[in-house]
Amino acid sequence: MEQNNREGDSVADGNFDLPTKKTINFFPPLYRQRYSFVNDLVNRHKPKKVADLGCGNALLIQMIKSHSCLELIVGVDINEDKIGSQRCKLSPFSGDYLSPRDLNLSIILYHGSAVERDSRLRGFDLVTCIELIEHLDSQDLARFPKVVFGYLSPAMVVISTPNSDFNPLFPVVTLRDSDHKFEWNRKQFQTWALGVADFYNYSVEFTGVGEPPEGAGNVGYCTQIGVFRKIGAPETASCAAEQCGEHVYKVVYSVSYPSLQQREVRRLALANVVSRQVQSLRQSYVLGRSAAQSGDRQGPPTKGNGLTAFSGPVFTELEKRNIEKAPRPFCCGREFCVPLERLLAYPKVNRLCDDADAMRALLEGTVRLSRDGSAVTVDLQDDDGQ
């Protein structure tokens, strides 16, 4: 059941001369078209939990993991070495810590077979089987619907498989990959899919990717796709079932991404945004005051609140009014002070925290606060006197 064509190494994922000397050009490559199809589905339907059976090199997971709706992505493959080598591509980057997600996201890679039951995959929003079923022998193919549609019972299933009606367009092709056990034409795939959908209470729609070249006749898409949707409310696995159920898969890799739901991540993100805003306000104040003291009428333009008007974020009229109504920054000796209420008026800060008391608690120990804790303070001048 190993999926060998996930990196585009099957005959259909390249460019090949037809017997008539024409060339089939798939752009983007066919495997990327398949992943883009799933990516668009995720964008439209906003699933929280997605499982990719036969995940191979985890390229699909890499593509979809940036969607903000996702909270759990699972990959399963029978080739342990292949999936284990992908951990560096799935680990959070520095940018994920600088701009953390709103929601928690966990990615788990399992070593296992798509025809084995594991209760940790029950009740997902979406299960994808991209170029998988053609790798199953007859016994595994018979077990596949029982496990995926019957036991896992996700809200949606996407299955892609080669369309053998397209194969005559390739030179001397019987099967597109040496590991394929079969390749169905459109009628065979649709007959199987409709039978599965009817038995397990799903609807199914047929489409595909990989347009045939002009003049090729009615051969259909190079890759045929079935999109199955559960009829009625999808089943969800209870926590008890997940903990006490069948766990046959082996965890190869697991990672959690930083999110604003994690207090320490929110605290650091808030401190970073607040520090940037305070320094921007301090710089505006210093430049505006210097221009006023020197009598430079051509100095930096100033707003009505005495702060320099630099190009920056574009605020809505409501946001502008909220900022103008908020307490203004002020100087206290050699310190420049920005009231917390002022900072809360800025959208980037308000997104992270909308309450002064909660903000004070989160900022404690990360920035300098005034004695009464009502403002963030910084030195009016930097060490270089700017």
Protein backbone atom coordinates (compact mmCIF):
# COMPACT_ATOMS: atom_id res chain seq x y z
CA MET A 1 0.00 0.00 0.00
CA GLU A 2 3.00 2.28 -0.07
CA GLN A 3 2.34 5.42 -2.04
CA ASN A 4 5.21 5.95 -4.43
CA ASN A 5 3.94 8.79 -6.61
CA ARG A 6 3.48 11.48 -3.99
CA GLU A 7 6.50 13.36 -5.33
CA GLY A 8 5.36 13.21 -8.92
CA ASP A 9 7.46 10.23 -10.02
CA SER A 10 4.68 8.38 -11.85
CA VAL A 11 4.33 8.55 -15.61
CA ALA A 12 1.32 10.88 -15.42
CA ASP A 13 3.14 13.52 -13.42
CA GLY A 14 5.66 14.42 -16.11
CA ASN A 15 5.54 15.65 -19.70
CA PHE A 16 5.44 12.96 -22.37
CA ASP A 17 5.30 12.79 -26.15
CA LEU A 18 2.13 11.39 -27.66
CA PRO A 19 2.35 9.04 -30.61
CA THR A 20 1.31 12.06 -32.72
CA LYS A 21 4.42 13.93 -31.41
CA LYS A 22 2.30 16.24 -29.30
CA THR A 23 3.25 16.73 -25.66
CA ILE A 24 1.01 16.56 -22.59
CA ASN A 25 1.99 19.44 -20.36
CA PHE A 26 0.57 19.45 -16.85
CA PHE A 27 1.14 22.84 -15.31
CA PRO A 28 1.28 22.92 -12.38
CA PRO A 29 2.45 19.29 -12.15
CA LEU A 30 -0.41 16.88 -11.68
CA TYR A 31 0.42 16.03 -8.07
CA ARG A 32 0.34 19.72 -7.19
CA GLN A 33 -3.04 20.06 -8.87
CA ARG A 34 -4.33 17.26 -6.65
CA TYR A 35 -3.01 18.96 -3.52
CA SER A 36 -4.38 22.32 -4.63
CA PHE A 37 -7.80 20.71 -5.03
CA VAL A 38 -7.71 19.58 -1.40
CA ASN A 39 -6.31 22.94 -0.30
CA ASP A 40 -9.27 24.69 -1.93
CA LEU A 41 -11.68 22.33 -0.15
CA VAL A 42 -10.10 23.19 3.19
CA ASN A 43 -10.37 26.87 2.38
CA ARG A 44 -14.07 26.54 1.55
CA HIS A 45 -15.26 24.15 4.25
CA LYS A 46 -13.00 25.20 7.17
CA PRO A 47 -12.45 21.76 8.77
CA LYS A 48 -10.84 21.57 12.19
CA LYS A 49 -9.49 18.01 11.95
CA VAL A 50 -7.98 16.54 8.78
CA ALA A 51 -6.37 13.14 8.22
CA ASP A 52 -4.31 12.30 5.12
CA LEU A 53 -4.15 8.54 4.58
CA GLY A 54 -1.13 7.49 2.54
CA CYS A 55 0.51 10.84 3.30
CA GLY A 56 3.87 9.84 1.78
CA ASN A 57 6.27 12.78 1.96
CA ALA A 58 3.65 14.96 3.71
CA LEU A 59 3.57 17.57 0.93
CA LEU A 60 -0.19 17.91 1.28
CA ILE A 61 0.15 18.52 5.01
CA GLN A 62 2.79 21.16 4.35
CA MET A 63 0.42 22.89 1.94
CA ILE A 64 -2.66 23.00 4.16
CA LYS A 65 -1.13 23.58 7.60
CA SER A 66 -1.24 27.37 7.24
CA HIS A 67 -5.06 27.40 7.29
CA SER A 68 -6.18 29.12 10.47
CA CYS A 69 -9.23 26.84 10.89
CA LEU A 70 -7.15 23.69 11.43
CA GLU A 71 -6.51 22.38 14.94
CA LEU A 72 -5.33 18.84 14.16
CA ILE A 73 -3.69 17.36 11.07
CA VAL A 74 -2.84 13.68 10.97
CA GLY A 75 -0.78 11.86 8.36
CA VAL A 76 -0.70 8.07 8.05
CA ASP A 77 1.61 6.04 5.82
CA ILE A 78 2.93 2.51 5.67
CA ASN A 79 6.46 3.74 4.88
CA GLU A 80 7.88 4.72 8.27
CA ASP A 81 11.21 5.96 6.91
CA LYS A 82 9.57 8.33 4.43
CA ILE A 83 7.25 10.01 6.91
CA GLY A 84 9.89 10.14 9.63
CA SER A 85 12.18 12.15 7.36
CA GLN A 86 9.65 14.98 7.02
CA ARG A 87 9.77 16.33 10.57
CA CYS A 88 12.02 19.27 9.68
CA LYS A 89 9.51 20.44 7.05
CA LEU A 90 6.62 20.30 9.51
CA SER A 91 8.30 21.92 12.50
CA PRO A 92 7.34 25.51 13.40
CA PHE A 93 9.57 28.24 11.95
CA SER A 94 10.67 31.38 13.78
CA GLY A 95 7.87 33.28 12.03
CA ASP A 96 5.33 30.99 13.70
CA TYR A 97 6.50 32.31 17.08
CA LEU A 98 6.64 35.95 15.98
CA SER A 99 3.13 35.76 14.50
CA PRO A 100 1.42 32.92 16.38
CA ARG A 101 -1.84 31.35 15.26
CA ASP A 102 -5.14 32.17 16.93
CA LEU A 103 -5.93 28.47 17.49
CA ASN A 104 -3.82 25.57 18.66
CA LEU A 105 -2.54 23.27 15.91
CA SER A 106 -1.08 19.80 16.37
CA ILE A 107 0.43 17.72 13.58
CA ILE A 108 0.89 13.97 14.12
CA LEU A 109 2.44 11.47 11.71
CA TYR A 110 1.59 7.81 12.22
CA HIS A 111 3.15 4.68 10.83
CA GLY A 112 0.26 2.45 9.86
CA SER A 113 -2.07 1.19 7.15
CA ALA A 114 -5.23 2.86 5.86
CA VAL A 115 -7.06 -0.44 6.28
CA GLU A 116 -6.32 -0.70 10.00
CA ARG A 117 -8.67 0.72 12.62
CA ASP A 118 -7.36 3.34 15.00
CA SER A 119 -9.87 5.17 17.19
CA ARG A 120 -7.74 8.33 17.29
CA LEU A 121 -8.88 9.08 13.72
CA ARG A 122 -12.61 8.71 14.30
CA GLY A 123 -15.01 11.52 13.57
CA PHE A 124 -12.68 13.82 11.61
CA ASP A 125 -14.03 16.62 9.47
CA LEU A 126 -12.05 15.55 6.40
CA VAL A 127 -10.14 12.42 5.38
CA THR A 128 -8.07 12.51 2.18
CA CYS A 129 -6.89 9.49 0.19
CA ILE A 130 -4.85 10.95 -2.65
CA GLU A 131 -3.62 8.32 -5.13
CA LEU A 132 -3.99 5.60 -2.53
CA ILE A 133 -6.62 3.02 -3.42
CA GLU A 134 -4.88 1.85 -6.60
CA HIS A 135 -2.02 0.60 -4.36
CA LEU A 136 -4.38 -1.76 -2.46
CA ASP A 137 -4.70 -5.44 -3.30
CA SER A 138 -8.17 -6.97 -3.52
CA GLN A 139 -8.34 -7.91 0.17
CA ASP A 140 -7.25 -4.46 1.37
CA LEU A 141 -9.56 -2.75 -1.10
CA ALA A 142 -12.48 -4.71 0.39
CA ARG A 143 -11.50 -3.61 3.90
CA PHE A 144 -10.88 0.02 2.94
CA PRO A 145 -14.54 1.26 2.91
CA LYS A 146 -15.32 -0.61 6.13
CA VAL A 147 -12.51 1.22 7.92
CA VAL A 148 -12.69 4.68 6.33
CA PHE A 149 -16.44 5.12 5.81
CA GLY A 150 -17.79 2.69 8.39
CA TYR A 151 -15.40 2.97 11.34
CA LEU A 152 -13.70 6.38 10.97
CA SER A 153 -16.93 7.93 9.61
CA PRO A 154 -15.62 11.43 8.77
CA ALA A 155 -17.85 14.26 7.61
CA MET A 156 -16.08 14.34 4.24
CA VAL A 157 -13.80 11.99 2.30
CA VAL A 158 -11.78 12.87 -0.81
CA ILE A 159 -10.47 10.01 -2.95
CA SER A 160 -8.35 10.50 -6.06
CA THR A 161 -7.17 7.74 -8.38
CA PRO A 162 -5.83 7.46 -11.95
CA ASN A 163 -8.38 7.48 -14.76
CA SER A 164 -7.42 4.66 -17.11
CA ASP A 165 -9.54 6.19 -19.90
CA PHE A 166 -6.72 8.73 -20.14
CA ASN A 167 -3.93 6.15 -20.37
CA PRO A 168 -3.97 5.67 -24.18
CA LEU A 169 -2.66 9.24 -24.44
CA PHE A 170 0.61 8.11 -22.85
CA PRO A 171 3.19 6.13 -24.84
CA VAL A 172 3.09 2.39 -24.10
CA VAL A 173 1.38 2.63 -20.72
CA THR A 174 -0.50 -0.20 -19.06
CA LEU A 175 -0.22 0.96 -15.44
CA ARG A 176 1.20 4.36 -14.51
CA ASP A 177 3.19 3.04 -11.57
CA SER A 178 4.80 -0.33 -10.93
CA ASP A 179 3.15 -0.54 -7.50
CA HIS A 180 -0.40 -0.02 -8.80
CA LYS A 181 -2.57 -3.09 -8.39
CA PHE A 182 -5.24 -1.72 -10.76
CA GLU A 183 -6.36 1.46 -12.51
CA TRP A 184 -10.07 2.10 -13.01
CA ASN A 185 -11.77 3.86 -15.84
CA ARG A 186 -14.44 6.44 -14.99
CA LYS A 187 -17.34 4.01 -15.07
CA GLN A 188 -15.56 1.52 -12.78
CA PHE A 189 -14.60 4.20 -10.24
CA GLN A 190 -18.04 5.76 -10.22
CA THR A 191 -19.75 2.39 -9.83
CA TRP A 192 -17.54 1.54 -6.84
CA ALA A 193 -17.88 4.99 -5.28
CA LEU A 194 -21.68 5.13 -5.65
CA GLY A 195 -21.97 1.70 -4.05
CA VAL A 196 -19.80 2.74 -1.09
CA ALA A 197 -21.65 6.04 -0.69
CA ASP A 198 -25.04 4.34 -0.70
CA PHE A 199 -24.04 1.65 1.78
CA TYR A 200 -22.44 4.03 4.30
CA ASN A 201 -24.92 6.91 3.93
CA TYR A 202 -22.77 9.38 1.99
CA SER A 203 -23.39 11.47 -1.10
CA VAL A 204 -20.63 11.64 -3.74
CA GLU A 205 -19.69 14.09 -6.47
CA PHE A 206 -17.20 13.35 -9.24
CA THR A 207 -14.61 15.68 -10.69
CA GLY A 208 -10.87 15.59 -11.40
CA VAL A 209 -7.67 17.38 -12.31
CA GLY A 210 -5.41 17.18 -15.33
CA GLU A 211 -7.19 18.40 -18.43
CA PRO A 212 -6.69 16.29 -21.59
CA PRO A 213 -4.96 17.96 -24.52
CA GLU A 214 -7.06 19.52 -27.25
CA GLY A 215 -8.33 16.96 -29.71
CA ALA A 216 -7.84 14.02 -27.33
CA GLY A 217 -11.53 13.18 -27.30
CA ASN A 218 -13.75 12.36 -24.35
CA VAL A 219 -11.19 10.75 -22.06
CA GLY A 220 -11.94 12.81 -18.95
CA TYR A 221 -9.47 14.10 -16.39
CA CYS A 222 -6.11 12.39 -15.97
CA THR A 223 -6.86 12.06 -12.23
CA GLN A 224 -10.45 11.33 -11.25
CA ILE A 225 -11.71 12.50 -7.86
CA GLY A 226 -14.69 11.57 -5.72
CA VAL A 227 -15.81 13.94 -2.96
CA PHE A 228 -17.97 12.11 -0.39
CA ARG A 229 -20.11 13.93 2.18
CA LYS A 230 -21.77 12.31 5.18
CA ILE A 231 -25.56 12.55 5.04
CA GLY A 232 -26.92 13.79 8.35
CA ALA A 233 -24.91 14.76 11.43
CA PRO A 234 -21.40 13.25 11.37
CA GLU A 235 -20.39 11.02 14.22
CA THR A 236 -17.80 12.33 16.66
CA ALA A 237 -15.52 10.15 18.73
CA SER A 238 -15.77 10.75 22.46
CA CYS A 239 -12.64 11.28 24.54
CA ALA A 240 -13.27 7.98 26.29
CA ALA A 241 -13.46 6.16 22.97
CA GLU A 242 -10.21 7.73 21.80
CA GLN A 243 -8.42 6.81 25.04
CA CYS A 244 -9.82 3.31 25.42
CA GLY A 245 -10.31 2.38 21.76
CA GLU A 246 -8.04 0.72 19.28
CA HIS A 247 -4.58 2.30 18.99
CA VAL A 248 -2.69 0.35 16.34
CA TYR A 249 -0.75 3.20 14.71
CA LYS A 250 2.73 4.10 15.87
CA VAL A 251 3.47 7.79 16.44
CA VAL A 252 6.48 8.74 14.32
CA TYR A 253 6.34 12.50 14.81
CA SER A 254 4.23 14.94 16.78
CA VAL A 255 4.45 18.72 17.09
CA SER A 256 2.32 21.54 18.49
CA TYR A 257 2.41 25.02 16.99
CA PRO A 258 2.51 28.19 19.10
CA SER A 259 -0.88 29.86 19.40
CA LEU A 260 -2.52 32.72 21.22
CA GLN A 261 -4.47 30.17 23.24
CA GLN A 262 -1.21 29.43 25.08
CA ARG A 263 -0.67 32.01 27.82
CA GLU A 264 3.10 32.28 27.46
CA VAL A 265 2.85 32.69 23.68
CA ARG A 266 0.14 35.36 24.07
CA ARG A 267 2.24 37.12 26.70
CA LEU A 268 5.33 37.30 24.48
CA ALA A 269 3.29 38.32 21.43
CA LEU A 270 1.60 41.09 23.41
CA ALA A 271 4.92 42.33 24.80
CA ASN A 272 6.36 42.43 21.27
CA VAL A 273 3.44 44.40 19.82
CA VAL A 274 3.28 46.77 22.79
CA SER A 275 7.03 47.45 22.68
CA ARG A 276 6.87 48.27 18.99
CA GLN A 277 3.91 50.60 19.47
CA VAL A 278 5.47 52.39 22.43
CA GLN A 279 8.77 52.90 20.60
CA SER A 280 6.92 54.25 17.56
CA LEU A 281 5.00 56.71 19.73
CA ARG A 282 8.17 57.74 21.57
CA GLN A 283 9.99 58.37 18.30
CA SER A 284 7.10 60.42 16.99
CA TYR A 285 7.05 62.48 20.17
CA VAL A 286 10.81 63.14 20.19
CA LEU A 287 10.92 64.14 16.52
CA GLY A 288 7.87 66.32 16.84
CA ARG A 289 9.27 68.08 19.91
CA SER A 290 12.67 68.60 18.27
CA ALA A 291 11.03 70.15 15.23
CA ALA A 292 8.96 72.47 17.42
CA GLN A 293 11.99 73.55 19.50
CA SER A 294 14.09 74.31 16.43
CA GLY A 295 11.31 76.25 14.78
CA ASP A 296 11.56 74.02 11.73
CA ARG A 297 8.34 74.62 9.92
CA GLN A 298 9.31 71.96 7.41
CA GLY A 299 9.80 69.38 10.16
CA PRO A 300 7.84 66.18 10.57
CA PRO A 301 4.08 66.63 10.18
CA THR A 302 2.20 66.37 13.47
CA LYS A 303 -1.27 65.28 14.44
CA GLY A 304 -3.57 67.24 16.68
CA ASN A 305 -2.41 65.24 19.68
CA GLY A 306 1.18 66.41 19.28
CA LEU A 307 2.45 63.09 17.91
CA THR A 308 4.23 62.91 14.58
CA ALA A 309 2.11 61.51 11.76
CA PHE A 310 4.20 58.82 10.07
CA SER A 311 2.95 56.51 7.36
CA GLY A 312 1.87 53.31 9.01
CA PRO A 313 -1.21 51.12 9.47
CA VAL A 314 -4.37 52.37 7.82
CA PHE A 315 -7.06 52.73 10.48
CA THR A 316 -10.80 52.78 9.94
CA GLU A 317 -12.69 55.89 10.97
CA LEU A 318 -13.97 54.10 14.08
CA GLU A 319 -10.44 53.02 15.02
CA LYS A 320 -9.18 56.58 14.55
CA ARG A 321 -11.91 57.92 16.84
CA ASN A 322 -11.15 55.31 19.49
CA ILE A 323 -7.44 56.22 19.40
CA GLU A 324 -8.14 59.95 19.63
CA LYS A 325 -10.49 59.45 22.60
CA ALA A 326 -7.96 57.33 24.52
CA PRO A 327 -5.59 58.93 27.09
CA ARG A 328 -2.56 60.43 25.37
CA PRO A 329 1.08 59.54 25.99
CA PHE A 330 2.91 61.87 28.35
CA CYS A 331 6.33 62.59 29.82
CA CYS A 332 7.24 62.16 33.45
CA GLY A 333 10.76 63.45 33.98
CA ARG A 334 13.04 61.45 31.72
CA GLU A 335 10.41 58.80 31.05
CA PHE A 336 7.94 58.55 28.19
CA CYS A 337 4.68 56.94 29.33
CA VAL A 338 1.90 55.37 27.26
CA PRO A 339 -1.30 54.57 29.17
CA LEU A 340 -2.57 51.02 28.83
CA GLU A 341 -5.93 52.41 27.75
CA ARG A 342 -4.17 54.17 24.89
CA LEU A 343 -2.44 50.97 23.81
CA LEU A 344 -5.72 49.05 23.94
CA ALA A 345 -7.13 51.46 21.35
CA TYR A 346 -4.70 50.15 18.73
CA PRO A 347 -6.16 47.16 16.80
CA LYS A 348 -3.00 45.02 16.88
CA VAL A 349 -2.87 45.31 20.67
CA ASN A 350 -6.62 44.96 21.17
CA ARG A 351 -6.61 41.74 19.15
CA LEU A 352 -4.31 40.18 21.74
CA CYS A 353 -5.95 41.66 24.84
CA ASP A 354 -9.01 43.86 25.32
CA ASP A 355 -8.87 44.49 29.07
CA ALA A 356 -6.44 46.72 30.99
CA ASP A 357 -6.23 44.46 34.06
CA ALA A 358 -5.57 41.36 31.95
CA MET A 359 -3.05 43.32 29.89
CA ARG A 360 -1.22 44.45 33.02
CA ALA A 361 -0.99 40.87 34.27
CA LEU A 362 0.32 39.60 30.94
CA LEU A 363 2.89 42.38 30.55
CA GLU A 364 4.32 42.09 34.06
CA GLY A 365 7.97 41.12 33.83
CA THR A 366 8.22 41.71 30.06
CA VAL A 367 8.02 45.53 29.83
CA ARG A 368 8.48 48.40 32.31
CA LEU A 369 5.28 49.62 33.90
CA SER A 370 4.61 52.81 35.85
CA ARG A 371 4.35 52.59 39.65
CA ASP A 372 0.57 52.35 39.58
CA GLY A 373 0.68 49.95 36.62
CA SER A 374 -1.47 52.19 34.43
CA ALA A 375 1.12 52.86 31.72
CA VAL A 376 4.09 51.35 29.90
CA THR A 377 7.22 53.45 30.33
CA VAL A 378 10.47 53.78 28.40
CA ASP A 379 13.38 56.21 28.56
CA LEU A 380 12.54 59.36 26.69
CA GLN A 381 15.91 59.26 24.94
CA ASP A 382 17.86 56.28 23.68
CA ASP A 383 21.44 55.73 24.82
CA ASP A 384 22.69 57.50 21.69
CA GLY A 385 20.65 60.58 22.56
CA GLN A 386 18.12 60.13 19.77
